[in-house]
């Protein structure tokens, strides 16, 4: 597979312009970062220093959720979709407007949007929703029909659906407890849709979420002969390929012998059939 190259990432002290709390555990954090916003492509990420001190020492990776624009339409900033899990994400849930944090990006291999007549099916589980707003915008600009399959444990954990509906995306919701949408995991409506879709109608899957969900989606895509890209959520220390903390076992583009590769520079977006799923760590 060819090496993806992009513009040189920038490292800036970005001012927090808003912290929209969605629930006790989720928030959308917005930064003034025009340099990063102007260069960002769908599916790329940033590395954020979650405090001004040394604890936590390392930055944390976050998909770019939105590219924010000013009144003239020019890129002005970015947002991230944060779930409070550990020390770093807890700090990000509490920051206030006016604070400044170090933000490095944009980083990583992006999604490649398909063009009509192909359709795009985005599949998100939980915080895996994060990379899909930028992809949905790119698809809309191409006139590509898009569907979002979005699953969570219960209705209260389905967020920002209105962002996708406003972009003309068809939304299919599922919850494990049946409190909203289809009862079951997101693979239930996805599998049904794949069964109904004739091979003469091209569709590509884009998937992000818990590792077991992505593995199941990859298996469904393969069984139905559909292209599928996944955005892996590996632990990262630097985001630049230097620390080797995010390696995964993946096959080469020619399907050859698997080798360890760095998610931060060869990904986070991978062809799902390249990934050796039994060797992927994650929740």
Protein backbone atom coordinates (compact mmCIF):
# COMPACT_ATOMS: atom_id res chain seq x y z
CA UNK A 1 0.00 0.00 0.00
CA UNK A 2 1.33 3.44 -0.86
CA UNK A 3 2.41 5.67 1.99
CA UNK A 4 -0.04 8.45 2.69
CA UNK A 5 1.52 11.88 2.83
CA UNK A 6 -0.20 15.08 3.84
CA UNK A 7 0.66 18.63 4.68
CA UNK A 8 3.01 19.03 7.63
CA UNK A 9 0.97 18.95 10.84
CA UNK A 10 1.04 22.03 13.02
CA UNK A 11 1.42 22.21 16.80
CA UNK A 12 -0.47 25.13 18.27
CA UNK A 13 -1.72 26.38 21.63
CA UNK A 14 -5.39 26.37 20.73
CA UNK A 15 -7.94 28.41 22.65
CA UNK A 16 -11.05 26.56 23.83
CA UNK A 17 -14.03 28.40 22.39
CA UNK A 18 -16.83 26.16 23.69
CA UNK A 19 -17.44 23.06 25.79
CA UNK A 20 -20.89 21.67 25.05
CA UNK A 21 -21.78 19.05 27.63
CA UNK A 22 -24.06 16.40 26.17
CA UNK A 23 -24.32 14.30 29.35
CA UNK A 24 -22.33 13.43 32.44
CA UNK A 25 -19.87 11.47 30.29
CA UNK A 26 -19.92 13.08 26.83
CA UNK A 27 -19.03 16.56 25.62
CA UNK A 28 -18.13 18.35 22.39
CA UNK A 29 -15.05 20.54 22.83
CA UNK A 30 -14.34 23.28 20.26
CA UNK A 31 -10.97 24.93 19.59
CA UNK A 32 -9.87 27.96 17.62
CA UNK A 33 -7.43 26.27 15.23
CA UNK A 34 -7.67 27.69 11.70
CA UNK A 35 -4.39 26.12 10.52
CA UNK A 36 -5.56 22.62 11.45
CA UNK A 37 -9.12 23.20 10.21
CA UNK A 38 -7.92 24.33 6.78
CA UNK A 39 -5.83 21.19 6.25
CA UNK A 40 -8.10 18.57 7.85
CA UNK A 41 -9.55 15.73 5.78
CA UNK A 42 -12.33 13.31 6.80
CA UNK A 43 -11.17 10.74 9.33
CA UNK A 44 -7.98 12.50 10.41
CA UNK A 45 -7.18 13.14 14.06
CA UNK A 46 -5.34 15.45 16.45
CA UNK A 47 -3.17 14.82 19.50
CA UNK A 48 -4.20 16.97 22.47
CA UNK A 49 -2.28 17.78 25.65
CA UNK A 50 -5.10 17.46 28.13
CA UNK A 51 -3.55 19.72 30.79
CA UNK A 52 -1.06 22.53 31.06
CA UNK A 53 1.18 20.52 33.39
CA UNK A 54 2.98 17.18 33.29
CA UNK A 55 0.10 14.96 34.39
CA UNK A 56 -0.96 13.33 32.14
CA UNK A 57 2.41 13.51 30.41
CA UNK A 58 1.41 12.19 26.97
CA UNK A 59 -1.14 13.61 24.59
CA UNK A 60 -4.35 11.82 23.66
CA UNK A 61 -5.65 11.14 20.12
CA UNK A 62 -9.08 12.41 19.05
CA UNK A 63 -10.81 12.26 15.68
CA UNK A 64 -11.67 15.66 14.27
CA UNK A 65 -15.43 15.80 14.82
CA UNK A 66 -16.28 19.05 13.04
CA UNK A 67 -14.44 21.65 11.00
CA UNK A 68 -15.77 24.97 12.29
CA UNK A 69 -16.14 27.93 9.93
CA UNK A 70 -16.44 31.67 10.47
CA UNK A 71 -19.15 33.95 9.08
CA UNK A 72 -17.41 34.06 5.69
CA UNK A 73 -17.17 30.28 5.44
CA UNK A 74 -13.44 30.12 6.11
CA UNK A 75 -12.05 27.32 8.33
CA UNK A 76 -11.70 28.70 11.85
CA UNK A 77 -11.46 25.77 14.23
CA UNK A 78 -12.21 22.16 15.04
CA UNK A 79 -14.21 20.21 17.57
CA UNK A 80 -13.73 16.81 19.19
CA UNK A 81 -16.29 14.34 20.55
CA UNK A 82 -15.07 13.37 24.01
CA UNK A 83 -16.14 10.55 26.30
CA UNK A 84 -14.99 10.70 29.92
CA UNK A 85 -13.10 7.46 30.56
CA UNK A 86 -9.69 8.13 32.15
CA UNK A 87 -7.65 11.00 33.56
CA UNK A 88 -7.09 12.82 30.27
CA UNK A 89 -10.65 12.63 28.99
CA UNK A 90 -11.94 13.66 32.43
CA UNK A 91 -9.81 16.79 32.27
CA UNK A 92 -11.20 17.56 28.80
CA UNK A 93 -14.74 17.20 30.10
CA UNK A 94 -14.08 19.99 32.59
CA UNK A 95 -12.20 22.64 30.60
CA UNK A 96 -13.77 26.05 30.19
CA UNK A 97 -13.83 28.57 27.36
CA UNK A 98 -10.68 30.67 27.17
CA UNK A 99 -8.32 27.93 28.30
CA UNK A 100 -5.46 27.03 25.98
CA UNK A 101 -4.30 23.50 25.19
CA UNK A 102 -1.58 22.17 22.88
CA UNK A 103 -3.13 20.58 19.77
CA UNK A 104 -1.10 18.78 17.07
CA UNK A 105 -2.60 17.91 13.69
CA UNK A 106 -4.11 17.04 11.35
CA UNK A 107 -2.65 13.53 11.48
CA UNK A 108 -3.19 10.14 9.88
CA UNK A 109 -4.59 8.55 6.75
CA UNK A 110 -8.09 9.91 5.97
CA UNK A 111 -11.20 8.32 4.59
CA UNK A 112 -11.57 8.38 0.80
CA UNK A 113 -15.19 9.33 -0.01
CA UNK A 114 -16.85 7.42 -2.85
CA UNK A 115 -18.57 9.12 -5.75
CA UNK A 116 -22.00 8.39 -7.22
CA UNK A 117 -23.47 6.05 -8.26
CA UNK A 118 -21.89 4.28 -5.26
CA UNK A 119 -23.46 4.91 -1.85
CA UNK A 120 -21.67 5.30 1.48
CA UNK A 121 -22.79 3.52 4.63
CA UNK A 122 -21.23 4.86 7.81
CA UNK A 123 -21.39 2.55 10.82
CA UNK A 124 -20.78 4.03 14.28
CA UNK A 125 -20.78 2.51 17.73
CA UNK A 126 -20.69 4.85 20.73
CA UNK A 127 -17.84 7.35 20.56
CA UNK A 128 -17.03 5.88 17.14
CA UNK A 129 -19.40 8.53 15.78
CA UNK A 130 -16.52 11.01 15.95
CA UNK A 131 -14.98 10.78 12.44
CA UNK A 132 -18.24 10.77 10.51
CA UNK A 133 -19.45 14.39 10.46
CA UNK A 134 -16.50 15.44 8.29
CA UNK A 135 -17.03 12.40 6.06
CA UNK A 136 -20.74 13.14 5.71
CA UNK A 137 -19.93 16.69 4.59
CA UNK A 138 -17.44 15.41 2.01
CA UNK A 139 -19.99 12.92 0.70
CA UNK A 140 -22.68 15.60 0.45
CA UNK A 141 -20.32 17.80 -1.58
CA UNK A 142 -19.95 14.93 -4.07
CA UNK A 143 -23.66 14.24 -4.24
CA UNK A 144 -23.10 10.77 -2.79
CA UNK A 145 -26.06 9.22 -0.99
CA UNK A 146 -25.12 8.39 2.58
CA UNK A 147 -26.62 6.37 5.42
CA UNK A 148 -25.52 6.35 9.05
CA UNK A 149 -26.03 3.17 11.07
CA UNK A 150 -25.58 4.33 14.66
CA UNK A 151 -25.79 2.08 17.69
CA UNK A 152 -25.53 2.45 21.46
CA UNK A 153 -26.57 0.60 24.59
CA UNK A 154 -29.58 2.83 25.23
CA UNK A 155 -31.35 5.87 23.76
CA UNK A 156 -29.63 8.35 26.07
CA UNK A 157 -26.27 7.46 24.49
CA UNK A 158 -27.24 8.40 20.94
CA UNK A 159 -25.90 11.90 20.30
CA UNK A 160 -25.81 14.57 17.58
CA UNK A 161 -28.16 12.75 15.21
CA UNK A 162 -29.45 16.14 14.03
CA UNK A 163 -26.04 17.00 12.55
CA UNK A 164 -26.34 14.12 10.12
CA UNK A 165 -30.00 14.65 9.32
CA UNK A 166 -29.22 18.27 8.43
CA UNK A 167 -26.69 17.00 5.88
CA UNK A 168 -29.29 14.79 4.20
CA UNK A 169 -27.92 11.56 5.67
CA UNK A 170 -30.39 8.72 6.17
CA UNK A 171 -30.07 7.64 9.81
CA UNK A 172 -30.73 4.11 11.10
CA UNK A 173 -30.61 3.90 14.90
CA UNK A 174 -30.29 0.86 17.13
CA UNK A 175 -30.05 0.30 20.87
CA UNK A 176 -29.23 -2.85 22.75
CA UNK A 177 -32.14 -2.33 25.16
CA UNK A 178 -34.61 -1.37 22.41
CA UNK A 179 -35.29 2.09 23.89
CA UNK A 180 -34.80 3.79 20.50
CA UNK A 181 -34.65 2.51 16.96
CA UNK A 182 -34.08 -1.18 16.24
CA UNK A 183 -33.43 -3.49 19.20
CA UNK A 184 -29.97 -5.04 19.10
CA UNK A 185 -26.45 -4.11 18.15
CA UNK A 186 -25.81 -1.95 15.11
CA UNK A 187 -24.81 -5.02 13.11
CA UNK A 188 -28.47 -6.17 13.14
CA UNK A 189 -29.84 -3.43 10.83
CA UNK A 190 -26.57 -3.36 8.90
CA UNK A 191 -26.78 -7.08 8.17
CA UNK A 192 -30.42 -6.76 7.11
CA UNK A 193 -29.58 -3.88 4.76
CA UNK A 194 -26.71 -5.81 3.20
CA UNK A 195 -29.01 -8.80 2.63
CA UNK A 196 -31.50 -6.58 0.78
CA UNK A 197 -28.87 -4.77 -1.31
CA UNK A 198 -28.31 -6.22 -4.77
CA UNK A 199 -24.72 -6.58 -5.98
CA UNK A 200 -25.53 -4.32 -8.90
CA UNK A 201 -25.89 -1.37 -6.50
CA UNK A 202 -22.40 -0.43 -5.25
CA UNK A 203 -21.95 0.58 -1.63
CA UNK A 204 -18.89 1.13 0.56
CA UNK A 205 -18.83 0.77 4.34
CA UNK A 206 -16.98 3.12 6.70
CA UNK A 207 -16.81 1.83 10.28
CA UNK A 208 -15.63 3.14 13.65
CA UNK A 209 -16.38 1.90 17.15
CA UNK A 210 -15.47 -0.87 19.58
CA UNK A 211 -13.11 -3.47 18.16
CA UNK A 212 -15.64 -6.37 18.32
CA UNK A 213 -18.15 -4.24 16.40
CA UNK A 214 -15.63 -3.34 13.72
CA UNK A 215 -14.58 -6.97 13.37
CA UNK A 216 -18.23 -8.02 12.94
CA UNK A 217 -18.81 -5.31 10.33
CA UNK A 218 -15.68 -6.39 8.46
CA UNK A 219 -16.99 -9.96 8.38
CA UNK A 220 -20.39 -8.82 7.12
CA UNK A 221 -18.81 -6.68 4.40
CA UNK A 222 -16.60 -9.55 3.28
CA UNK A 223 -19.51 -12.01 3.22
CA UNK A 224 -21.49 -9.65 0.97
CA UNK A 225 -18.58 -8.63 -1.26
CA UNK A 226 -18.54 -4.99 -0.16
CA UNK A 227 -15.59 -2.67 0.34
CA UNK A 228 -15.11 -1.68 3.97
CA UNK A 229 -12.77 0.81 5.63
CA UNK A 230 -12.35 0.93 9.40
CA UNK A 231 -10.93 3.66 11.61
CA UNK A 232 -8.97 1.94 14.37
CA UNK A 233 -8.97 3.41 17.88
CA UNK A 234 -5.56 2.33 19.15
CA UNK A 235 -3.70 3.82 22.10
CA UNK A 236 -1.19 6.38 20.83
CA UNK A 237 1.68 8.16 22.52
CA UNK A 238 2.92 10.58 19.86
CA UNK A 239 0.76 10.34 16.73
CA UNK A 240 3.82 10.72 14.50
CA UNK A 241 5.16 7.17 14.27
CA UNK A 242 7.99 7.58 16.73
CA UNK A 243 6.85 5.64 19.79
CA UNK A 244 5.44 2.44 18.23
CA UNK A 245 2.70 2.24 20.87
CA UNK A 246 -0.10 1.88 18.29
CA UNK A 247 1.13 -1.01 16.13
CA UNK A 248 -1.36 -3.48 14.68
CA UNK A 249 -0.87 -6.61 12.62
CA UNK A 250 -2.01 -5.98 9.05
CA UNK A 251 -1.58 -7.55 5.64
CA UNK A 252 0.09 -5.66 2.84
CA UNK A 253 -1.96 -4.11 0.08
CA UNK A 254 -1.27 -7.20 -2.05
CA UNK A 255 -2.67 -9.49 0.65
CA UNK A 256 0.79 -10.77 1.54
CA UNK A 257 2.23 -11.87 4.86
CA UNK A 258 0.97 -9.79 7.81
CA UNK A 259 3.37 -7.34 9.38
CA UNK A 260 3.23 -4.88 12.25
CA UNK A 261 2.37 -1.36 11.15
CA UNK A 262 1.77 1.91 12.97
CA UNK A 263 -1.86 3.00 13.17
CA UNK A 264 -0.95 6.68 13.42
CA UNK A 265 0.75 6.89 10.01
CA UNK A 266 -0.51 3.87 8.03
CA UNK A 267 -3.99 4.51 9.51
CA UNK A 268 -6.10 5.17 11.42
CA UNK A 269 -8.14 4.27 8.32
CA UNK A 270 -7.48 0.75 7.01
CA UNK A 271 -9.09 -1.54 4.49
CA UNK A 272 -10.88 -3.90 6.88
CA UNK A 273 -9.58 -6.98 5.07
CA UNK A 274 -5.98 -5.96 5.77
CA UNK A 275 -6.46 -6.09 9.53
CA UNK A 276 -5.66 -9.30 11.43
CA UNK A 277 -8.59 -8.88 13.80
CA UNK A 278 -7.63 -11.61 16.26
CA UNK A 279 -4.51 -9.61 17.07
CA UNK A 280 -6.15 -6.20 17.50
CA UNK A 281 -6.35 -5.00 21.09
CA UNK A 282 -9.25 -2.85 22.19
CA UNK A 283 -12.57 -2.83 23.97
